[in-house]
Amino acid sequence: MEGLEDSKIWADYNAAQATRGVRTLCLDAMAFAGPGNGRRAIDLGCGAGKETLALLDGGWRVLAVDSQPDTRDQLLATLPAALAEKLDVELSPFEDLPPLPEAGLILASYSLPFVHPENFARLWRMLLGALGPSGVIAVNLFGERDSWAAIPEWNFHTEAEARALFEGLEILTFEIYDADGQSFRGPKHWHIFDVIARKP
Protein backbone atom coordinates (compact mmCIF):
# COMPACT_ATOMS: atom_id res chain seq x y z
CA MET A 1 0.00 0.00 0.00
CA GLU A 2 1.43 3.30 -1.00
CA GLY A 3 0.42 6.95 -1.02
CA LEU A 4 -1.44 9.21 1.37
CA GLU A 5 -4.75 7.37 1.05
CA ASP A 6 -3.14 4.03 1.88
CA SER A 7 -1.23 5.61 4.76
CA LYS A 8 -4.53 6.91 6.17
CA ILE A 9 -6.09 3.44 5.84
CA TRP A 10 -3.24 1.87 7.82
CA ALA A 11 -3.35 4.61 10.45
CA ASP A 12 -7.10 4.03 10.93
CA TYR A 13 -6.56 0.27 11.01
CA ASN A 14 -3.85 0.55 13.67
CA ALA A 15 -6.04 2.83 15.78
CA ALA A 16 -8.83 0.24 15.62
CA GLN A 17 -6.42 -2.43 16.94
CA ALA A 18 -5.91 -0.64 20.25
CA THR A 19 -8.47 -2.71 22.15
CA ARG A 20 -7.73 -6.20 20.81
CA GLY A 21 -5.64 -8.79 22.61
CA VAL A 22 -2.28 -10.18 21.55
CA ARG A 23 -2.69 -12.44 18.53
CA THR A 24 -2.49 -16.19 19.14
CA LEU A 25 0.14 -16.51 16.42
CA CYS A 26 2.49 -14.37 18.49
CA LEU A 27 1.77 -16.15 21.77
CA ASP A 28 2.26 -19.57 20.19
CA ALA A 29 5.51 -18.48 18.54
CA MET A 30 6.80 -17.18 21.87
CA ALA A 31 5.91 -20.50 23.51
CA PHE A 32 7.86 -22.43 20.86
CA ALA A 33 10.83 -20.05 21.02
CA GLY A 34 11.13 -20.09 24.81
CA PRO A 35 12.09 -17.18 27.09
CA GLY A 36 13.51 -14.14 25.33
CA ASN A 37 16.43 -13.72 27.72
CA GLY A 38 17.60 -10.66 25.80
CA ARG A 39 17.56 -12.37 22.42
CA ARG A 40 16.49 -10.45 19.32
CA ALA A 41 12.98 -10.65 17.90
CA ILE A 42 11.72 -8.91 14.76
CA ASP A 43 8.10 -7.74 14.52
CA LEU A 44 7.55 -7.12 10.82
CA GLY A 45 4.62 -4.76 10.34
CA CYS A 46 4.28 -4.01 14.04
CA GLY A 47 1.32 -1.65 13.58
CA ALA A 48 -0.27 -0.69 16.88
CA GLY A 49 2.45 -2.55 18.79
CA LYS A 50 0.38 -5.16 20.63
CA GLU A 51 2.74 -7.97 19.71
CA THR A 52 5.83 -5.80 20.11
CA LEU A 53 4.85 -5.11 23.72
CA ALA A 54 4.17 -8.81 24.35
CA LEU A 55 7.61 -9.70 23.02
CA LEU A 56 9.27 -7.04 25.16
CA ASP A 57 7.37 -8.29 28.20
CA GLY A 58 8.63 -11.77 27.33
CA GLY A 59 12.24 -10.66 27.65
CA TRP A 60 13.00 -10.13 23.98
CA ARG A 61 14.92 -7.22 22.49
CA VAL A 62 12.64 -6.19 19.63
CA LEU A 63 13.25 -4.64 16.24
CA ALA A 64 9.83 -3.29 15.27
CA VAL A 65 9.42 -2.62 11.55
CA ASP A 66 6.67 -0.53 10.00
CA SER A 67 6.28 2.06 7.26
CA GLN A 68 3.96 4.39 9.20
CA PRO A 69 5.94 7.53 10.11
CA ASP A 70 4.47 7.85 13.62
CA THR A 71 5.22 4.23 14.60
CA ARG A 72 8.17 5.07 16.86
CA ASP A 73 6.23 7.73 18.78
CA GLN A 74 3.18 5.50 19.10
CA LEU A 75 5.22 2.61 20.49
CA LEU A 76 7.25 4.70 22.91
CA ALA A 77 4.05 6.29 24.25
CA THR A 78 2.84 2.88 25.42
CA LEU A 79 6.06 1.48 26.88
CA PRO A 80 7.58 1.72 30.34
CA ALA A 81 11.07 3.24 30.19
CA ALA A 82 12.73 -0.07 31.09
CA LEU A 83 11.15 -1.79 28.08
CA ALA A 84 11.75 1.15 25.74
CA GLU A 85 15.48 0.57 26.16
CA LYS A 86 15.03 -2.86 24.54
CA LEU A 87 13.18 -1.51 21.50
CA ASP A 88 14.61 -0.58 18.13
CA VAL A 89 12.36 0.78 15.37
CA GLU A 90 12.93 0.63 11.62
CA LEU A 91 10.63 2.97 9.68
CA SER A 92 10.66 1.58 6.16
CA PRO A 93 8.48 0.01 3.50
CA PHE A 94 9.32 -3.68 3.36
CA GLU A 95 10.71 -3.42 -0.18
CA ASP A 96 13.31 -0.89 1.02
CA LEU A 97 14.42 -2.70 4.17
CA PRO A 98 18.16 -2.82 4.83
CA PRO A 99 19.64 -6.19 5.86
CA LEU A 100 18.06 -7.42 9.08
CA PRO A 101 20.00 -8.48 12.18
CA GLU A 102 20.02 -12.13 13.25
CA ALA A 103 16.93 -12.97 15.29
CA GLY A 104 15.70 -15.85 17.40
CA LEU A 105 12.08 -15.04 16.60
CA ILE A 106 10.55 -13.37 13.54
CA LEU A 107 6.88 -12.43 13.55
CA ALA A 108 4.97 -11.21 10.50
CA SER A 109 1.38 -10.91 11.62
CA TYR A 110 -0.95 -9.94 8.75
CA SER A 111 1.80 -7.99 7.03
CA LEU A 112 3.42 -10.22 4.37
CA PRO A 113 0.30 -10.51 2.15
CA PHE A 114 0.48 -6.78 1.44
CA VAL A 115 3.94 -7.00 -0.10
CA HIS A 116 3.93 -6.62 -3.89
CA PRO A 117 4.47 -10.01 -5.57
CA GLU A 118 7.58 -8.67 -7.30
CA ASN A 119 9.17 -7.96 -3.91
CA PHE A 120 7.96 -10.95 -1.93
CA ALA A 121 10.72 -13.45 -2.84
CA ARG A 122 13.50 -11.02 -1.91
CA LEU A 123 11.87 -10.16 1.40
CA TRP A 124 11.27 -13.82 2.21
CA ARG A 125 14.92 -14.66 1.54
CA MET A 126 15.92 -11.78 3.82
CA LEU A 127 13.71 -13.06 6.63
CA LEU A 128 15.01 -16.62 6.40
CA GLY A 129 18.57 -15.29 6.21
CA ALA A 130 18.04 -13.32 9.42
CA LEU A 131 16.63 -16.30 11.30
CA GLY A 132 19.26 -17.65 13.66
CA PRO A 133 19.90 -21.32 14.50
CA SER A 134 16.84 -22.87 16.18
CA GLY A 135 15.02 -19.58 15.49
CA VAL A 136 11.24 -19.49 15.12
CA ILE A 137 9.37 -17.70 12.33
CA ALA A 138 5.60 -17.10 12.54
CA VAL A 139 3.58 -15.66 9.66
CA ASN A 140 0.11 -15.24 8.22
CA LEU A 141 -0.17 -15.84 4.47
CA PHE A 142 -3.25 -15.34 2.31
CA GLY A 143 -4.55 -18.24 0.22
CA GLU A 144 -5.82 -18.16 -3.35
CA ARG A 145 -9.48 -18.37 -2.27
CA ASP A 146 -9.31 -15.15 -0.24
CA SER A 147 -11.72 -12.42 -1.35
CA TRP A 148 -8.81 -10.08 -1.97
CA ALA A 149 -6.95 -12.52 -4.24
CA ALA A 150 -7.79 -10.45 -7.33
CA ILE A 151 -5.76 -7.48 -6.04
CA PRO A 152 -2.57 -7.58 -8.16
CA GLU A 153 -0.46 -5.53 -5.74
CA TRP A 154 -0.79 -8.12 -2.96
CA ASN A 155 0.48 -11.72 -2.82
CA PHE A 156 -1.44 -14.96 -2.40
CA HIS A 157 -0.42 -18.62 -2.25
CA THR A 158 -1.84 -22.06 -2.73
CA GLU A 159 -1.33 -24.40 0.21
CA ALA A 160 1.44 -26.19 -1.69
CA GLU A 161 3.18 -22.88 -2.44
CA ALA A 162 2.88 -21.81 1.18
CA ARG A 163 4.37 -25.07 2.45
CA ALA A 164 7.20 -24.84 -0.07
CA LEU A 165 8.31 -21.53 1.45
CA PHE A 166 9.36 -23.42 4.58
CA GLU A 167 11.49 -26.03 2.85
CA GLY A 168 14.45 -26.84 5.09
CA LEU A 169 12.61 -25.67 8.22
CA GLU A 170 10.62 -27.72 10.70
CA ILE A 171 6.95 -26.74 10.41
CA LEU A 172 5.60 -26.61 13.96
CA THR A 173 2.05 -25.54 13.13
CA PHE A 174 0.26 -25.05 9.81
CA GLU A 175 -3.33 -23.94 10.36
CA ILE A 176 -5.80 -23.09 7.60
CA TYR A 177 -8.71 -20.69 8.01
CA ASP A 178 -11.13 -20.75 5.07
CA ALA A 179 -14.40 -19.05 5.98
CA ASP A 180 -16.52 -15.94 5.64
CA GLY A 181 -15.90 -13.22 8.18
CA GLN A 182 -15.29 -9.53 8.77
CA SER A 183 -12.37 -7.30 7.90
CA PHE A 184 -11.56 -3.70 8.68
CA ARG A 185 -13.14 -2.89 5.32
CA GLY A 186 -16.26 -5.00 5.87
CA PRO A 187 -17.43 -8.58 5.14
CA LYS A 188 -15.08 -10.84 3.18
CA HIS A 189 -14.01 -14.44 2.70
CA TRP A 190 -10.80 -15.21 4.54
CA HIS A 191 -8.38 -17.85 3.28
CA ILE A 192 -5.37 -17.74 5.57
CA PHE A 193 -2.42 -19.97 6.41
CA ASP A 194 -1.06 -19.44 9.92
CA VAL A 195 2.40 -20.98 9.96
CA ILE A 196 5.03 -21.34 12.67
CA ALA A 197 8.34 -23.00 11.75
CA ARG A 198 11.76 -23.52 13.28
CA LYS A 199 15.17 -23.30 11.65
CA PRO A 200 17.47 -26.28 12.36
C-alpha atoms as a PDB file:
ATOM      1  CA  MET A   1       0.000   0.000   0.000  1.00  0.00           C
ATOM      2  CA  GLU A   2       1.431   3.304  -0.997  1.00  0.00           C
ATOM      3  CA  GLY A   3       0.417   6.950  -1.020  1.00  0.00           C
ATOM      4  CA  LEU A   4      -1.443   9.211   1.375  1.00  0.00           C
ATOM      5  CA  GLU A   5      -4.753   7.367   1.049  1.00  0.00           C
ATOM      6  CA  ASP A   6      -3.143   4.032   1.880  1.00  0.00           C
ATOM      7  CA  SER A   7      -1.235   5.607   4.764  1.00  0.00           C
ATOM      8  CA  LYS A   8      -4.532   6.908   6.171  1.00  0.00           C
ATOM      9  CA  ILE A   9      -6.088   3.437   5.845  1.00  0.00           C
ATOM     10  CA  TRP A  10      -3.239   1.867   7.817  1.00  0.00           C
ATOM     11  CA  ALA A  11      -3.352   4.606  10.452  1.00  0.00           C
ATOM     12  CA  ASP A  12      -7.100   4.034  10.926  1.00  0.00           C
ATOM     13  CA  TYR A  13      -6.559   0.271  11.014  1.00  0.00           C
ATOM     14  CA  ASN A  14      -3.853   0.554  13.668  1.00  0.00           C
ATOM     15  CA  ALA A  15      -6.039   2.832  15.780  1.00  0.00           C
ATOM     16  CA  ALA A  16      -8.827   0.242  15.624  1.00  0.00           C
ATOM     17  CA  GLN A  17      -6.420  -2.427  16.937  1.00  0.00           C
ATOM     18  CA  ALA A  18      -5.915  -0.643  20.247  1.00  0.00           C
ATOM     19  CA  THR A  19      -8.473  -2.710  22.155  1.00  0.00           C
ATOM     20  CA  ARG A  20      -7.732  -6.205  20.815  1.00  0.00           C
ATOM     21  CA  GLY A  21      -5.637  -8.786  22.613  1.00  0.00           C
ATOM     22  CA  VAL A  22      -2.276 -10.180  21.551  1.00  0.00           C
ATOM     23  CA  ARG A  23      -2.692 -12.443  18.527  1.00  0.00           C
ATOM     24  CA  THR A  24      -2.494 -16.191  19.137  1.00  0.00           C
ATOM     25  CA  LEU A  25       0.138 -16.515  16.418  1.00  0.00           C
ATOM     26  CA  CYS A  26       2.489 -14.366  18.489  1.00  0.00           C
ATOM     27  CA  LEU A  27       1.766 -16.146  21.766  1.00  0.00           C
ATOM     28  CA  ASP A  28       2.262 -19.571  20.185  1.00  0.00           C
ATOM     29  CA  ALA A  29       5.514 -18.475  18.538  1.00  0.00           C
ATOM     30  CA  MET A  30       6.800 -17.184  21.867  1.00  0.00           C
ATOM     31  CA  ALA A  31       5.915 -20.499  23.513  1.00  0.00           C
ATOM     32  CA  PHE A  32       7.859 -22.429  20.864  1.00  0.00           C
ATOM     33  CA  ALA A  33      10.828 -20.046  21.024  1.00  0.00           C
ATOM     34  CA  GLY A  34      11.125 -20.095  24.813  1.00  0.00           C
ATOM     35  CA  PRO A  35      12.090 -17.178  27.086  1.00  0.00           C
ATOM     36  CA  GLY A  36      13.508 -14.143  25.327  1.00  0.00           C
ATOM     37  CA  ASN A  37      16.428 -13.716  27.722  1.00  0.00           C
ATOM     38  CA  GLY A  38      17.598 -10.660  25.799  1.00  0.00           C
ATOM     39  CA  ARG A  39      17.556 -12.371  22.420  1.00  0.00           C
ATOM     40  CA  ARG A  40      16.494 -10.454  19.318  1.00  0.00           C
ATOM     41  CA  ALA A  41      12.977 -10.653  17.900  1.00  0.00           C
ATOM     42  CA  ILE A  42      11.722  -8.905  14.763  1.00  0.00           C
ATOM     43  CA  ASP A  43       8.102  -7.744  14.522  1.00  0.00           C
ATOM     44  CA  LEU A  44       7.551  -7.118  10.821  1.00  0.00           C
ATOM     45  CA  GLY A  45       4.622  -4.760  10.342  1.00  0.00           C
ATOM     46  CA  CYS A  46       4.283  -4.007  14.039  1.00  0.00           C
ATOM     47  CA  GLY A  47       1.319  -1.646  13.577  1.00  0.00           C
ATOM     48  CA  ALA A  48      -0.271  -0.692  16.883  1.00  0.00           C
ATOM     49  CA  GLY A  49       2.455  -2.554  18.785  1.00  0.00           C
ATOM     50  CA  LYS A  50       0.381  -5.161  20.633  1.00  0.00           C
ATOM     51  CA  GLU A  51       2.736  -7.974  19.705  1.00  0.00           C
ATOM     52  CA  THR A  52       5.827  -5.797  20.110  1.00  0.00           C
ATOM     53  CA  LEU A  53       4.845  -5.113  23.719  1.00  0.00           C
ATOM     54  CA  ALA A  54       4.166  -8.813  24.349  1.00  0.00           C
ATOM     55  CA  LEU A  55       7.609  -9.697  23.018  1.00  0.00           C
ATOM     56  CA  LEU A  56       9.275  -7.041  25.156  1.00  0.00           C
ATOM     57  CA  ASP A  57       7.366  -8.294  28.204  1.00  0.00           C
ATOM     58  CA  GLY A  58       8.630 -11.767  27.333  1.00  0.00           C
ATOM     59  CA  GLY A  59      12.236 -10.659  27.655  1.00  0.00           C
ATOM     60  CA  TRP A  60      13.003 -10.134  23.981  1.00  0.00           C
ATOM     61  CA  ARG A  61      14.918  -7.222  22.494  1.00  0.00           C
ATOM     62  CA  VAL A  62      12.643  -6.188  19.627  1.00  0.00           C
ATOM     63  CA  LEU A  63      13.250  -4.639  16.243  1.00  0.00           C
ATOM     64  CA  ALA A  64       9.826  -3.289  15.275  1.00  0.00           C
ATOM     65  CA  VAL A  65       9.424  -2.616  11.549  1.00  0.00           C
ATOM     66  CA  ASP A  66       6.667  -0.532   9.995  1.00  0.00           C
ATOM     67  CA  SER A  67       6.282   2.061   7.265  1.00  0.00           C
ATOM     68  CA  GLN A  68       3.957   4.389   9.197  1.00  0.00           C
ATOM     69  CA  PRO A  69       5.941   7.528  10.109  1.00  0.00           C
ATOM     70  CA  ASP A  70       4.472   7.850  13.621  1.00  0.00           C
ATOM     71  CA  THR A  71       5.218   4.233  14.601  1.00  0.00           C
ATOM     72  CA  ARG A  72       8.168   5.067  16.863  1.00  0.00           C
ATOM     73  CA  ASP A  73       6.233   7.731  18.783  1.00  0.00           C
ATOM     74  CA  GLN A  74       3.179   5.496  19.105  1.00  0.00           C
ATOM     75  CA  LEU A  75       5.222   2.613  20.487  1.00  0.00           C
ATOM     76  CA  LEU A  76       7.246   4.700  22.914  1.00  0.00           C
ATOM     77  CA  ALA A  77       4.052   6.290  24.246  1.00  0.00           C
ATOM     78  CA  THR A  78       2.844   2.876  25.420  1.00  0.00           C
ATOM     79  CA  LEU A  79       6.057   1.475  26.879  1.00  0.00           C
ATOM     80  CA  PRO A  80       7.584   1.718  30.339  1.00  0.00           C
ATOM     81  CA  ALA A  81      11.068   3.238  30.190  1.00  0.00           C
ATOM     82  CA  ALA A  82      12.729  -0.066  31.089  1.00  0.00           C
ATOM     83  CA  LEU A  83      11.149  -1.787  28.081  1.00  0.00           C
ATOM     84  CA  ALA A  84      11.751   1.148  25.739  1.00  0.00           C
ATOM     85  CA  GLU A  85      15.483   0.566  26.159  1.00  0.00           C
ATOM     86  CA  LYS A  86      15.034  -2.861  24.540  1.00  0.00           C
ATOM     87  CA  LEU A  87      13.178  -1.513  21.504  1.00  0.00           C
ATOM     88  CA  ASP A  88      14.608  -0.578  18.127  1.00  0.00           C
ATOM     89  CA  VAL A  89      12.358   0.777  15.374  1.00  0.00           C
ATOM     90  CA  GLU A  90      12.933   0.633  11.621  1.00  0.00           C
ATOM     91  CA  LEU A  91      10.630   2.970   9.678  1.00  0.00           C
ATOM     92  CA  SER A  92      10.659   1.578   6.162  1.00  0.00           C
ATOM     93  CA  PRO A  93       8.484   0.012   3.496  1.00  0.00           C
ATOM     94  CA  PHE A  94       9.321  -3.677   3.357  1.00  0.00           C
ATOM     95  CA  GLU A  95      10.713  -3.423  -0.176  1.00  0.00           C
ATOM     96  CA  ASP A  96      13.312  -0.887   1.020  1.00  0.00           C
ATOM     97  CA  LEU A  97      14.425  -2.695   4.170  1.00  0.00           C
ATOM     98  CA  PRO A  98      18.159  -2.820   4.830  1.00  0.00           C
ATOM     99  CA  PRO A  99      19.641  -6.195   5.857  1.00  0.00           C
ATOM    100  CA  LEU A 100      18.060  -7.421   9.076  1.00  0.00           C
ATOM    101  CA  PRO A 101      19.997  -8.484  12.180  1.00  0.00           C
ATOM    102  CA  GLU A 102      20.018 -12.127  13.250  1.00  0.00           C
ATOM    103  CA  ALA A 103      16.929 -12.967  15.293  1.00  0.00           C
ATOM    104  CA  GLY A 104      15.696 -15.850  17.396  1.00  0.00           C
ATOM    105  CA  LEU A 105      12.076 -15.044  16.600  1.00  0.00           C
ATOM    106  CA  ILE A 106      10.551 -13.371  13.539  1.00  0.00           C
ATOM    107  CA  LEU A 107       6.878 -12.433  13.554  1.00  0.00           C
ATOM    108  CA  ALA A 108       4.973 -11.206  10.495  1.00  0.00           C
ATOM    109  CA  SER A 109       1.375 -10.905  11.625  1.00  0.00           C
ATOM    110  CA  TYR A 110      -0.949  -9.937   8.747  1.00  0.00           C
ATOM    111  CA  SER A 111       1.804  -7.989   7.027  1.00  0.00           C
ATOM    112  CA  LEU A 112       3.417 -10.222   4.371  1.00  0.00           C
ATOM    113  CA  PRO A 113       0.301 -10.513   2.149  1.00  0.00           C
ATOM    114  CA  PHE A 114       0.476  -6.783   1.441  1.00  0.00           C
ATOM    115  CA  VAL A 115       3.938  -7.002  -0.095  1.00  0.00           C
ATOM    116  CA  HIS A 116       3.930  -6.624  -3.889  1.00  0.00           C
ATOM    117  CA  PRO A 117       4.471 -10.012  -5.572  1.00  0.00           C
ATOM    118  CA  GLU A 118       7.584  -8.671  -7.300  1.00  0.00           C
ATOM    119  CA  ASN A 119       9.167  -7.956  -3.909  1.00  0.00           C
ATOM    120  CA  PHE A 120       7.965 -10.954  -1.930  1.00  0.00           C
ATOM    121  CA  ALA A 121      10.720 -13.449  -2.838  1.00  0.00           C
ATOM    122  CA  ARG A 122      13.497 -11.018  -1.915  1.00  0.00           C
ATOM    123  CA  LEU A 123      11.874 -10.156   1.401  1.00  0.00           C
ATOM    124  CA  TRP A 124      11.270 -13.822   2.205  1.00  0.00           C
ATOM    125  CA  ARG A 125      14.925 -14.656   1.537  1.00  0.00           C
ATOM    126  CA  MET A 126      15.921 -11.777   3.816  1.00  0.00           C
ATOM    127  CA  LEU A 127      13.709 -13.060   6.627  1.00  0.00           C
ATOM    128  CA  LEU A 128      15.010 -16.621   6.396  1.00  0.00           C
ATOM    129  CA  GLY A 129      18.572 -15.285   6.209  1.00  0.00           C
ATOM    130  CA  ALA A 130      18.040 -13.318   9.417  1.00  0.00           C
ATOM    131  CA  LEU A 131      16.626 -16.299  11.305  1.00  0.00           C
ATOM    132  CA  GLY A 132      19.257 -17.652  13.661  1.00  0.00           C
ATOM    133  CA  PRO A 133      19.901 -21.317  14.503  1.00  0.00           C
ATOM    134  CA  SER A 134      16.836 -22.866  16.181  1.00  0.00           C
ATOM    135  CA  GLY A 135      15.024 -19.583  15.487  1.00  0.00           C
ATOM    136  CA  VAL A 136      11.242 -19.490  15.117  1.00  0.00           C
ATOM    137  CA  ILE A 137       9.371 -17.702  12.331  1.00  0.00           C
ATOM    138  CA  ALA A 138       5.602 -17.104  12.543  1.00  0.00           C
ATOM    139  CA  VAL A 139       3.583 -15.659   9.663  1.00  0.00           C
ATOM    140  CA  ASN A 140       0.114 -15.242   8.222  1.00  0.00           C
ATOM    141  CA  LEU A 141      -0.168 -15.840   4.475  1.00  0.00           C
ATOM    142  CA  PHE A 142      -3.246 -15.342   2.305  1.00  0.00           C
ATOM    143  CA  GLY A 143      -4.553 -18.237   0.219  1.00  0.00           C
ATOM    144  CA  GLU A 144      -5.816 -18.165  -3.352  1.00  0.00           C
ATOM    145  CA  ARG A 145      -9.485 -18.368  -2.266  1.00  0.00           C
ATOM    146  CA  ASP A 146      -9.306 -15.153  -0.244  1.00  0.00           C
ATOM    147  CA  SER A 147     -11.723 -12.416  -1.347  1.00  0.00           C
ATOM    148  CA  TRP A 148      -8.809 -10.081  -1.965  1.00  0.00           C
ATOM    149  CA  ALA A 149      -6.948 -12.518  -4.244  1.00  0.00           C
ATOM    150  CA  ALA A 150      -7.789 -10.449  -7.326  1.00  0.00           C
ATOM    151  CA  ILE A 151      -5.758  -7.484  -6.035  1.00  0.00           C
ATOM    152  CA  PRO A 152      -2.574  -7.581  -8.156  1.00  0.00           C
ATOM    153  CA  GLU A 153      -0.455  -5.527  -5.738  1.00  0.00           C
ATOM    154  CA  TRP A 154      -0.789  -8.120  -2.955  1.00  0.00           C
ATOM    155  CA  ASN A 155       0.477 -11.716  -2.818  1.00  0.00           C
ATOM    156  CA  PHE A 156      -1.444 -14.955  -2.401  1.00  0.00           C
ATOM    157  CA  HIS A 157      -0.417 -18.618  -2.245  1.00  0.00           C
ATOM    158  CA  THR A 158      -1.841 -22.060  -2.732  1.00  0.00           C
ATOM    159  CA  GLU A 159      -1.327 -24.398   0.207  1.00  0.00           C
ATOM    160  CA  ALA A 160       1.445 -26.185  -1.693  1.00  0.00           C
ATOM    161  CA  GLU A 161       3.179 -22.880  -2.443  1.00  0.00           C
ATOM    162  CA  ALA A 162       2.880 -21.806   1.184  1.00  0.00           C
ATOM    163  CA  ARG A 163       4.368 -25.069   2.452  1.00  0.00           C
ATOM    164  CA  ALA A 164       7.203 -24.840  -0.071  1.00  0.00           C
ATOM    165  CA  LEU A 165       8.306 -21.527   1.448  1.00  0.00           C
ATOM    166  CA  PHE A 166       9.357 -23.422   4.578  1.00  0.00           C
ATOM    167  CA  GLU A 167      11.494 -26.030   2.849  1.00  0.00           C
ATOM    168  CA  GLY A 168      14.445 -26.844   5.094  1.00  0.00           C
ATOM    169  CA  LEU A 169      12.610 -25.670   8.216  1.00  0.00           C
ATOM    170  CA  GLU A 170      10.617 -27.723  10.703  1.00  0.00           C
ATOM    171  CA  ILE A 171       6.953 -26.739  10.410  1.00  0.00           C
ATOM    172  CA  LEU A 172       5.602 -26.608  13.962  1.00  0.00           C
ATOM    173  CA  THR A 173       2.049 -25.539  13.126  1.00  0.00           C
ATOM    174  CA  PHE A 174       0.263 -25.049   9.808  1.00  0.00           C
ATOM    175  CA  GLU A 175      -3.326 -23.945  10.361  1.00  0.00           C
ATOM    176  CA  ILE A 176      -5.800 -23.094   7.601  1.00  0.00           C
ATOM    177  CA  TYR A 177      -8.705 -20.687   8.010  1.00  0.00           C
ATOM    178  CA  ASP A 178     -11.127 -20.751   5.073  1.00  0.00           C
ATOM    179  CA  ALA A 179     -14.402 -19.053   5.978  1.00  0.00           C
ATOM    180  CA  ASP A 180     -16.521 -15.940   5.645  1.00  0.00           C
ATOM    181  CA  GLY A 181     -15.895 -13.217   8.177  1.00  0.00           C
ATOM    182  CA  GLN A 182     -15.285  -9.535   8.771  1.00  0.00           C
ATOM    183  CA  SER A 183     -12.365  -7.298   7.898  1.00  0.00           C
ATOM    184  CA  PHE A 184     -11.563  -3.696   8.685  1.00  0.00           C
ATOM    185  CA  ARG A 185     -13.139  -2.889   5.315  1.00  0.00           C
ATOM    186  CA  GLY A 186     -16.262  -5.003   5.868  1.00  0.00           C
ATOM    187  CA  PRO A 187     -17.428  -8.578   5.136  1.00  0.00           C
ATOM    188  CA  LYS A 188     -15.083 -10.845   3.181  1.00  0.00           C
ATOM    189  CA  HIS A 189     -14.012 -14.441   2.701  1.00  0.00           C
ATOM    190  CA  TRP A 190     -10.798 -15.211   4.542  1.00  0.00           C
ATOM    191  CA  HIS A 191      -8.384 -17.848   3.277  1.00  0.00           C
ATOM    192  CA  ILE A 192      -5.371 -17.744   5.566  1.00  0.00           C
ATOM    193  CA  PHE A 193      -2.416 -19.972   6.409  1.00  0.00           C
ATOM    194  CA  ASP A 194      -1.060 -19.437   9.918  1.00  0.00           C
ATOM    195  CA  VAL A 195       2.396 -20.982   9.961  1.00  0.00           C
ATOM    196  CA  ILE A 196       5.034 -21.345  12.670  1.00  0.00           C
ATOM    197  CA  ALA A 197       8.335 -23.003  11.747  1.00  0.00           C
ATOM    198  CA  ARG A 198      11.761 -23.523  13.276  1.00  0.00           C
ATOM    199  CA  LYS A 199      15.175 -23.303  11.650  1.00  0.00           C
ATOM    200  CA  PRO A 200      17.468 -26.282  12.357  1.00  0.00           C
END
